[in-house]
Every structure is written in C-alpha cells, then in structure tokens.
Amino acid sequence: MSLTFSMDAALTKTFLNAYGQNNKHGRVWDEVVYTSVQLAVLAKTQEQVEKARITSRMCTMRKEYNFFTDLASRSGFGWDPIKQTIIAPPSTWIELLADSFTIDSVLRRRFGTLKEIFLGGDLEFKHAMVEELCDLIGDI
C-alpha cells in the first residue's frame, strides 16, 4: 500500500498535534502517537497502516524536507508561490545536475527521471531541456 495525499495529511496533522501536546521526548514519540496516526489514517482512507510504515514515511518526509530546504537555499534557485515549486534558470539546473554526488545521492532516489523535476510551465521547453540534459549526463 502506498500512502496517498490524504494519508500524508492525516499523518502530518496528527504528528503536529502530538508535538504540541509534548508527546515527543528527544527523538522518541510516545506510543499513543502511532495509535492516533493509525486511527486518523483509518478515518480518512478506511485503510490500516502499521507503525513501521508510519516510521518509514516520516523518515522519507524528513529527507524530502531536507532536500527541499537545501535546494531552495542554493544560489540561483527560487520559489514560485503561484505554482508552489522551486524554480531556476536552465543553467542552474545543469550546474546542479553536473554534480555527480547530487545525481547519485539525491536525484536518482528522489525523482526517478529528470522529467519529474521540470513539471509545470512550458512543457515543450522543459522536454527539450530534459533531452539536452540526458545527452549531457546520461538518463538518470
């Protein structure tokens, strides 16, 4: 079972509420928090989710958040509040993608393909950019 947007929303809301109620001690959540998440997800989606899946999803969300904040803080990258996405000129993307560490450790695992990076906007231009990048660094 993959977590849907509704499941993520229930998970996030429940953890934020639990944090506000001091149900986290250091890096450890009280067991009642996991039960609350399970009940919230069940109420929203009628699906059961195990503690291991909740923990795994929280770890993934933390990694995605850290990747997002790192990318947004880099020179040349900005935020488009209308599209709610990170933006940068093609040269900045090329510079980022030329870094083999970034490609291997982040983009392959997070995005799967370059096309997902360029969602929104002028699709023909972005498709051409993807093709150019693939020629430069190989299909990730």
N, C-alpha and C. Protein backbone atom coordinates (compact mmCIF):
# COMPACT_ATOMS: atom_id res chain seq x y z
N MET A 1 0.84 -1.18 0.00
CA MET A 1 0.00 0.00 0.00
C MET A 1 0.89 1.24 0.00
N SER A 2 0.61 2.16 -0.87
CA SER A 2 1.35 3.42 -0.87
C SER A 2 0.52 4.48 -0.17
N LEU A 3 1.21 5.36 0.53
CA LEU A 3 0.50 6.43 1.22
C LEU A 3 0.04 7.48 0.22
N THR A 4 -1.20 7.87 0.35
CA THR A 4 -1.77 8.88 -0.53
C THR A 4 -1.64 10.25 0.12
N PHE A 5 -2.04 11.27 -0.61
CA PHE A 5 -2.05 12.63 -0.06
C PHE A 5 -2.89 12.69 1.20
N SER A 6 -4.05 12.03 1.20
CA SER A 6 -4.93 12.03 2.37
C SER A 6 -4.25 11.39 3.57
N MET A 7 -3.53 10.31 3.31
CA MET A 7 -2.81 9.65 4.40
C MET A 7 -1.70 10.54 4.93
N ASP A 8 -0.96 11.17 4.02
CA ASP A 8 0.11 12.08 4.44
C ASP A 8 -0.46 13.23 5.27
N ALA A 9 -1.60 13.76 4.85
CA ALA A 9 -2.22 14.87 5.57
C ALA A 9 -2.62 14.44 6.98
N ALA A 10 -3.21 13.26 7.10
CA ALA A 10 -3.60 12.75 8.42
C ALA A 10 -2.37 12.51 9.29
N LEU A 11 -1.35 11.94 8.71
CA LEU A 11 -0.11 11.68 9.43
C LEU A 11 0.52 12.98 9.92
N THR A 12 0.65 13.96 9.05
CA THR A 12 1.27 15.23 9.40
C THR A 12 0.48 15.96 10.48
N LYS A 13 -0.82 16.05 10.30
CA LYS A 13 -1.67 16.75 11.27
C LYS A 13 -1.58 16.08 12.64
N THR A 14 -1.61 14.78 12.69
CA THR A 14 -1.56 14.06 13.96
C THR A 14 -0.23 14.24 14.65
N PHE A 15 0.87 14.16 13.89
CA PHE A 15 2.18 14.37 14.50
C PHE A 15 2.35 15.81 15.00
N LEU A 16 1.84 16.79 14.25
CA LEU A 16 1.93 18.18 14.70
C LEU A 16 1.14 18.39 15.99
N ASN A 17 -0.05 17.81 16.06
CA ASN A 17 -0.84 17.91 17.28
C ASN A 17 -0.12 17.24 18.45
N ALA A 18 0.45 16.08 18.21
CA ALA A 18 1.16 15.35 19.26
C ALA A 18 2.38 16.13 19.74
N TYR A 19 3.06 16.79 18.81
CA TYR A 19 4.22 17.61 19.18
C TYR A 19 3.78 18.76 20.08
N GLY A 20 2.65 19.38 19.74
CA GLY A 20 2.12 20.46 20.55
C GLY A 20 1.70 20.02 21.95
N GLN A 21 1.39 18.73 22.08
CA GLN A 21 0.99 18.18 23.38
C GLN A 21 2.17 17.54 24.11
N ASN A 22 3.39 17.82 23.63
CA ASN A 22 4.62 17.29 24.24
C ASN A 22 4.66 15.77 24.30
N ASN A 23 4.21 15.12 23.22
CA ASN A 23 4.24 13.66 23.14
C ASN A 23 5.50 13.14 22.47
N LYS A 24 6.51 13.99 22.42
CA LYS A 24 7.80 13.59 21.87
C LYS A 24 8.87 13.92 22.90
N HIS A 25 9.72 12.94 23.16
CA HIS A 25 10.77 13.10 24.16
C HIS A 25 12.10 12.83 23.49
N GLY A 26 12.83 13.91 23.22
CA GLY A 26 14.06 13.77 22.45
C GLY A 26 13.70 13.41 21.02
N ARG A 27 14.13 12.24 20.59
CA ARG A 27 13.81 11.78 19.23
C ARG A 27 12.74 10.70 19.22
N VAL A 28 12.12 10.44 20.37
CA VAL A 28 11.18 9.32 20.51
C VAL A 28 9.76 9.84 20.73
N TRP A 29 8.84 9.33 19.93
CA TRP A 29 7.42 9.65 20.09
C TRP A 29 6.79 8.66 21.06
N ASP A 30 5.81 9.14 21.83
CA ASP A 30 5.03 8.24 22.68
C ASP A 30 4.27 7.25 21.80
N GLU A 31 4.06 6.05 22.31
CA GLU A 31 3.34 5.02 21.54
C GLU A 31 1.93 5.47 21.18
N VAL A 32 1.31 6.27 22.02
CA VAL A 32 -0.05 6.73 21.75
C VAL A 32 -0.12 7.53 20.46
N VAL A 33 0.98 8.17 20.08
CA VAL A 33 1.00 8.96 18.85
C VAL A 33 0.79 8.05 17.63
N TYR A 34 1.47 6.91 17.62
CA TYR A 34 1.33 5.98 16.49
C TYR A 34 -0.11 5.45 16.40
N THR A 35 -0.70 5.19 17.54
CA THR A 35 -2.09 4.74 17.55
C THR A 35 -2.99 5.84 17.00
N SER A 36 -2.72 7.08 17.40
CA SER A 36 -3.51 8.22 16.90
C SER A 36 -3.37 8.36 15.39
N VAL A 37 -2.15 8.19 14.88
CA VAL A 37 -1.93 8.27 13.43
C VAL A 37 -2.70 7.16 12.73
N GLN A 38 -2.62 5.95 13.26
CA GLN A 38 -3.33 4.82 12.65
C GLN A 38 -4.84 5.09 12.58
N LEU A 39 -5.39 5.64 13.67
CA LEU A 39 -6.82 5.94 13.69
C LEU A 39 -7.17 7.08 12.73
N ALA A 40 -6.32 8.09 12.64
CA ALA A 40 -6.57 9.20 11.72
C ALA A 40 -6.53 8.74 10.27
N VAL A 41 -5.55 7.91 9.94
CA VAL A 41 -5.45 7.39 8.57
C VAL A 41 -6.64 6.49 8.27
N LEU A 42 -7.02 5.65 9.21
CA LEU A 42 -8.18 4.77 9.03
C LEU A 42 -9.45 5.60 8.80
N ALA A 43 -9.63 6.67 9.57
CA ALA A 43 -10.82 7.51 9.43
C ALA A 43 -10.85 8.21 8.07
N LYS A 44 -9.69 8.63 7.58
CA LYS A 44 -9.64 9.36 6.30
C LYS A 44 -9.72 8.44 5.09
N THR A 45 -9.14 7.24 5.19
CA THR A 45 -8.98 6.41 3.99
C THR A 45 -9.57 5.01 4.10
N GLN A 46 -10.01 4.63 5.28
CA GLN A 46 -10.50 3.28 5.54
C GLN A 46 -9.42 2.22 5.28
N GLU A 47 -8.16 2.61 5.49
CA GLU A 47 -7.04 1.68 5.33
C GLU A 47 -6.22 1.62 6.60
N GLN A 48 -5.76 0.40 6.91
CA GLN A 48 -4.89 0.19 8.07
C GLN A 48 -3.45 0.51 7.66
N VAL A 49 -2.71 1.10 8.59
CA VAL A 49 -1.30 1.36 8.34
C VAL A 49 -0.54 0.96 9.60
N GLU A 50 0.55 0.23 9.40
CA GLU A 50 1.35 -0.28 10.52
C GLU A 50 2.35 0.77 10.99
N LYS A 51 2.80 0.62 12.24
CA LYS A 51 3.77 1.55 12.83
C LYS A 51 5.03 1.63 11.98
N ALA A 52 5.51 0.51 11.47
CA ALA A 52 6.73 0.51 10.66
C ALA A 52 6.54 1.37 9.41
N ARG A 53 5.37 1.34 8.82
CA ARG A 53 5.09 2.15 7.63
C ARG A 53 5.03 3.64 7.99
N ILE A 54 4.46 3.94 9.15
CA ILE A 54 4.39 5.33 9.62
C ILE A 54 5.81 5.86 9.82
N THR A 55 6.62 5.07 10.51
CA THR A 55 8.00 5.46 10.78
C THR A 55 8.78 5.66 9.48
N SER A 56 8.60 4.75 8.54
CA SER A 56 9.27 4.84 7.25
C SER A 56 8.84 6.10 6.50
N ARG A 57 7.54 6.38 6.52
CA ARG A 57 7.04 7.55 5.81
C ARG A 57 7.56 8.84 6.44
N MET A 58 7.62 8.89 7.76
CA MET A 58 8.15 10.08 8.44
C MET A 58 9.61 10.29 8.07
N CYS A 59 10.37 9.21 7.99
CA CYS A 59 11.78 9.29 7.59
C CYS A 59 11.90 9.84 6.17
N THR A 60 11.07 9.35 5.27
CA THR A 60 11.07 9.81 3.89
C THR A 60 10.68 11.28 3.81
N MET A 61 9.67 11.67 4.55
CA MET A 61 9.23 13.06 4.54
C MET A 61 10.32 13.98 5.09
N ARG A 62 11.05 13.52 6.10
CA ARG A 62 12.15 14.31 6.65
C ARG A 62 13.24 14.50 5.60
N LYS A 63 13.56 13.43 4.88
CA LYS A 63 14.58 13.52 3.81
C LYS A 63 14.12 14.47 2.71
N GLU A 64 12.85 14.37 2.31
CA GLU A 64 12.32 15.26 1.28
C GLU A 64 12.35 16.71 1.73
N TYR A 65 12.00 16.95 2.98
CA TYR A 65 12.04 18.31 3.52
C TYR A 65 13.47 18.85 3.52
N ASN A 66 14.42 18.03 3.97
CA ASN A 66 15.82 18.46 3.99
C ASN A 66 16.33 18.73 2.58
N PHE A 67 15.97 17.88 1.62
CA PHE A 67 16.36 18.09 0.23
C PHE A 67 15.78 19.40 -0.30
N PHE A 68 14.49 19.62 -0.01
CA PHE A 68 13.80 20.82 -0.46
C PHE A 68 14.47 22.08 0.11
N THR A 69 14.72 22.10 1.42
CA THR A 69 15.31 23.29 2.03
C THR A 69 16.74 23.51 1.52
N ASP A 70 17.48 22.43 1.29
CA ASP A 70 18.82 22.58 0.74
C ASP A 70 18.76 23.17 -0.66
N LEU A 71 17.89 22.64 -1.48
CA LEU A 71 17.77 23.12 -2.86
C LEU A 71 17.30 24.58 -2.88
N ALA A 72 16.31 24.90 -2.06
CA ALA A 72 15.76 26.27 -2.04
C ALA A 72 16.79 27.28 -1.55
N SER A 73 17.73 26.84 -0.73
CA SER A 73 18.72 27.77 -0.18
C SER A 73 19.92 27.97 -1.10
N ARG A 74 20.04 27.17 -2.14
CA ARG A 74 21.18 27.30 -3.06
C ARG A 74 21.05 28.55 -3.91
N SER A 75 22.18 29.11 -4.25
CA SER A 75 22.22 30.28 -5.10
C SER A 75 21.64 29.94 -6.47
N GLY A 76 20.78 30.80 -6.98
CA GLY A 76 20.19 30.61 -8.30
C GLY A 76 18.82 29.97 -8.27
N PHE A 77 18.43 29.39 -7.13
CA PHE A 77 17.12 28.76 -7.02
C PHE A 77 16.17 29.69 -6.29
N GLY A 78 14.91 29.64 -6.67
CA GLY A 78 13.90 30.48 -6.04
C GLY A 78 12.62 29.69 -5.85
N TRP A 79 11.59 30.37 -5.39
CA TRP A 79 10.30 29.75 -5.12
C TRP A 79 9.23 30.48 -5.90
N ASP A 80 8.41 29.74 -6.63
CA ASP A 80 7.28 30.31 -7.34
C ASP A 80 6.04 30.06 -6.49
N PRO A 81 5.49 31.11 -5.84
CA PRO A 81 4.35 30.90 -4.94
C PRO A 81 3.07 30.52 -5.66
N ILE A 82 2.96 30.86 -6.93
CA ILE A 82 1.75 30.50 -7.67
C ILE A 82 1.75 29.02 -8.03
N LYS A 83 2.87 28.56 -8.59
CA LYS A 83 2.99 27.15 -8.96
C LYS A 83 3.38 26.28 -7.77
N GLN A 84 3.84 26.91 -6.70
CA GLN A 84 4.32 26.23 -5.49
C GLN A 84 5.37 25.19 -5.83
N THR A 85 6.42 25.69 -6.49
CA THR A 85 7.52 24.83 -6.89
C THR A 85 8.82 25.62 -6.89
N ILE A 86 9.91 24.91 -6.78
CA ILE A 86 11.22 25.55 -6.88
C ILE A 86 11.49 25.87 -8.34
N ILE A 87 12.04 27.05 -8.58
CA ILE A 87 12.34 27.47 -9.95
C ILE A 87 13.81 27.86 -10.04
N ALA A 88 14.34 27.74 -11.23
CA ALA A 88 15.73 28.15 -11.51
C ALA A 88 15.89 28.19 -13.03
N PRO A 89 16.82 29.02 -13.49
CA PRO A 89 17.10 29.03 -14.93
C PRO A 89 17.76 27.72 -15.34
N PRO A 90 17.66 27.35 -16.61
CA PRO A 90 18.24 26.08 -17.08
C PRO A 90 19.71 25.92 -16.72
N SER A 91 20.49 27.00 -16.78
CA SER A 91 21.93 26.88 -16.46
C SER A 91 22.15 26.45 -15.02
N THR A 92 21.28 26.87 -14.11
CA THR A 92 21.40 26.48 -12.71
C THR A 92 21.08 25.00 -12.53
N TRP A 93 20.04 24.51 -13.25
CA TRP A 93 19.72 23.08 -13.19
C TRP A 93 20.89 22.26 -13.75
N ILE A 94 21.45 22.72 -14.86
CA ILE A 94 22.57 21.99 -15.47
C ILE A 94 23.74 21.91 -14.51
N GLU A 95 24.04 23.03 -13.84
CA GLU A 95 25.14 23.05 -12.87
C GLU A 95 24.87 22.06 -11.73
N LEU A 96 23.64 22.06 -11.24
CA LEU A 96 23.28 21.12 -10.17
C LEU A 96 23.41 19.68 -10.64
N LEU A 97 22.89 19.41 -11.82
CA LEU A 97 22.89 18.04 -12.33
C LEU A 97 24.27 17.57 -12.74
N ALA A 98 25.19 18.49 -12.99
CA ALA A 98 26.55 18.12 -13.36
C ALA A 98 27.33 17.58 -12.16
N ASP A 99 26.86 17.88 -10.97
CA ASP A 99 27.50 17.38 -9.75
C ASP A 99 27.12 15.91 -9.59
N SER A 100 28.05 15.00 -9.81
CA SER A 100 27.74 13.57 -9.78
C SER A 100 27.26 13.12 -8.41
N PHE A 101 27.74 13.76 -7.34
CA PHE A 101 27.27 13.40 -6.00
C PHE A 101 25.78 13.67 -5.88
N THR A 102 25.34 14.82 -6.37
CA THR A 102 23.93 15.16 -6.31
C THR A 102 23.10 14.18 -7.12
N ILE A 103 23.59 13.87 -8.31
CA ILE A 103 22.86 12.93 -9.16
C ILE A 103 22.71 11.58 -8.48
N ASP A 104 23.81 11.02 -8.00
CA ASP A 104 23.78 9.70 -7.41
C ASP A 104 23.01 9.64 -6.10
N SER A 105 23.23 10.61 -5.23
CA SER A 105 22.68 10.51 -3.89
C SER A 105 21.28 11.08 -3.73
N VAL A 106 20.89 11.98 -4.58
CA VAL A 106 19.60 12.64 -4.37
C VAL A 106 18.63 12.39 -5.52
N LEU A 107 19.01 12.82 -6.71
CA LEU A 107 18.04 12.84 -7.80
C LEU A 107 17.58 11.45 -8.24
N ARG A 108 18.48 10.49 -8.31
CA ARG A 108 18.04 9.15 -8.73
C ARG A 108 17.01 8.58 -7.77
N ARG A 109 17.28 8.70 -6.47
CA ARG A 109 16.36 8.13 -5.50
C ARG A 109 15.10 8.95 -5.37
N ARG A 110 15.19 10.27 -5.45
CA ARG A 110 14.04 11.11 -5.20
C ARG A 110 13.13 11.27 -6.40
N PHE A 111 13.70 11.48 -7.58
CA PHE A 111 12.88 11.83 -8.73
C PHE A 111 12.71 10.71 -9.73
N GLY A 112 13.62 9.77 -9.82
CA GLY A 112 13.49 8.71 -10.80
C GLY A 112 13.91 9.14 -12.19
N THR A 113 13.29 10.16 -12.71
CA THR A 113 13.65 10.67 -14.03
C THR A 113 13.74 12.19 -13.98
N LEU A 114 14.48 12.74 -14.89
CA LEU A 114 14.61 14.20 -14.96
C LEU A 114 13.28 14.88 -15.25
N LYS A 115 12.41 14.21 -15.97
CA LYS A 115 11.15 14.84 -16.37
C LYS A 115 10.33 15.30 -15.18
N GLU A 116 10.42 14.58 -14.05
CA GLU A 116 9.66 14.96 -12.87
C GLU A 116 10.17 16.27 -12.27
N ILE A 117 11.42 16.61 -12.48
CA ILE A 117 11.97 17.86 -11.95
C ILE A 117 11.32 19.05 -12.63
N PHE A 118 10.96 18.90 -13.88
CA PHE A 118 10.53 20.02 -14.70
C PHE A 118 9.02 20.08 -14.90
N LEU A 119 8.24 19.64 -13.93
CA LEU A 119 6.79 19.69 -14.08
C LEU A 119 6.30 21.13 -14.08
N GLY A 120 5.25 21.38 -14.84
CA GLY A 120 4.67 22.72 -14.88
C GLY A 120 5.35 23.60 -15.92
N GLY A 121 4.74 24.73 -16.20
CA GLY A 121 5.34 25.69 -17.12
C GLY A 121 5.25 25.23 -18.56
N ASP A 122 6.16 25.74 -19.39
CA ASP A 122 6.22 25.43 -20.81
C ASP A 122 6.78 24.03 -20.99
N LEU A 123 5.90 23.07 -21.20
CA LEU A 123 6.31 21.67 -21.26
C LEU A 123 7.22 21.37 -22.44
N GLU A 124 6.98 22.02 -23.57
CA GLU A 124 7.84 21.77 -24.73
C GLU A 124 9.27 22.20 -24.45
N PHE A 125 9.44 23.39 -23.85
CA PHE A 125 10.77 23.86 -23.50
C PHE A 125 11.43 22.91 -22.49
N LYS A 126 10.67 22.51 -21.48
CA LYS A 126 11.23 21.64 -20.45
C LYS A 126 11.56 20.26 -21.00
N HIS A 127 10.75 19.77 -21.91
CA HIS A 127 11.05 18.48 -22.55
C HIS A 127 12.36 18.57 -23.33
N ALA A 128 12.52 19.66 -24.06
CA ALA A 128 13.78 19.86 -24.80
C ALA A 128 14.96 19.95 -23.85
N MET A 129 14.77 20.61 -22.70
CA MET A 129 15.83 20.72 -21.71
C MET A 129 16.18 19.35 -21.13
N VAL A 130 15.16 18.55 -20.88
CA VAL A 130 15.41 17.19 -20.37
C VAL A 130 16.23 16.40 -21.37
N GLU A 131 15.86 16.50 -22.63
CA GLU A 131 16.61 15.78 -23.66
C GLU A 131 18.06 16.25 -23.71
N GLU A 132 18.26 17.56 -23.61
CA GLU A 132 19.63 18.10 -23.63
C GLU A 132 20.42 17.62 -22.42
N LEU A 133 19.78 17.65 -21.26
CA LEU A 133 20.47 17.19 -20.04
C LEU A 133 20.79 15.70 -20.12
N CYS A 134 19.88 14.93 -20.66
CA CYS A 134 20.13 13.50 -20.80
C CYS A 134 21.32 13.24 -21.72
N ASP A 135 21.44 14.02 -22.76
CA ASP A 135 22.60 13.90 -23.66
C ASP A 135 23.89 14.27 -22.93
N LEU A 136 23.81 15.28 -22.05
CA LEU A 136 25.00 15.73 -21.34
C LEU A 136 25.46 14.76 -20.26
N ILE A 137 24.52 14.23 -19.48
CA ILE A 137 24.92 13.43 -18.31
C ILE A 137 24.38 12.01 -18.31
N GLY A 138 23.62 11.65 -19.30
CA GLY A 138 23.04 10.31 -19.33
C GLY A 138 21.69 10.32 -18.63
N ASP A 139 20.81 9.44 -18.99
CA ASP A 139 19.48 9.36 -18.41
C ASP A 139 19.59 8.84 -16.98
N ILE A 140 19.09 9.62 -16.05
CA ILE A 140 19.18 9.19 -14.65
C ILE A 140 18.02 8.27 -14.31
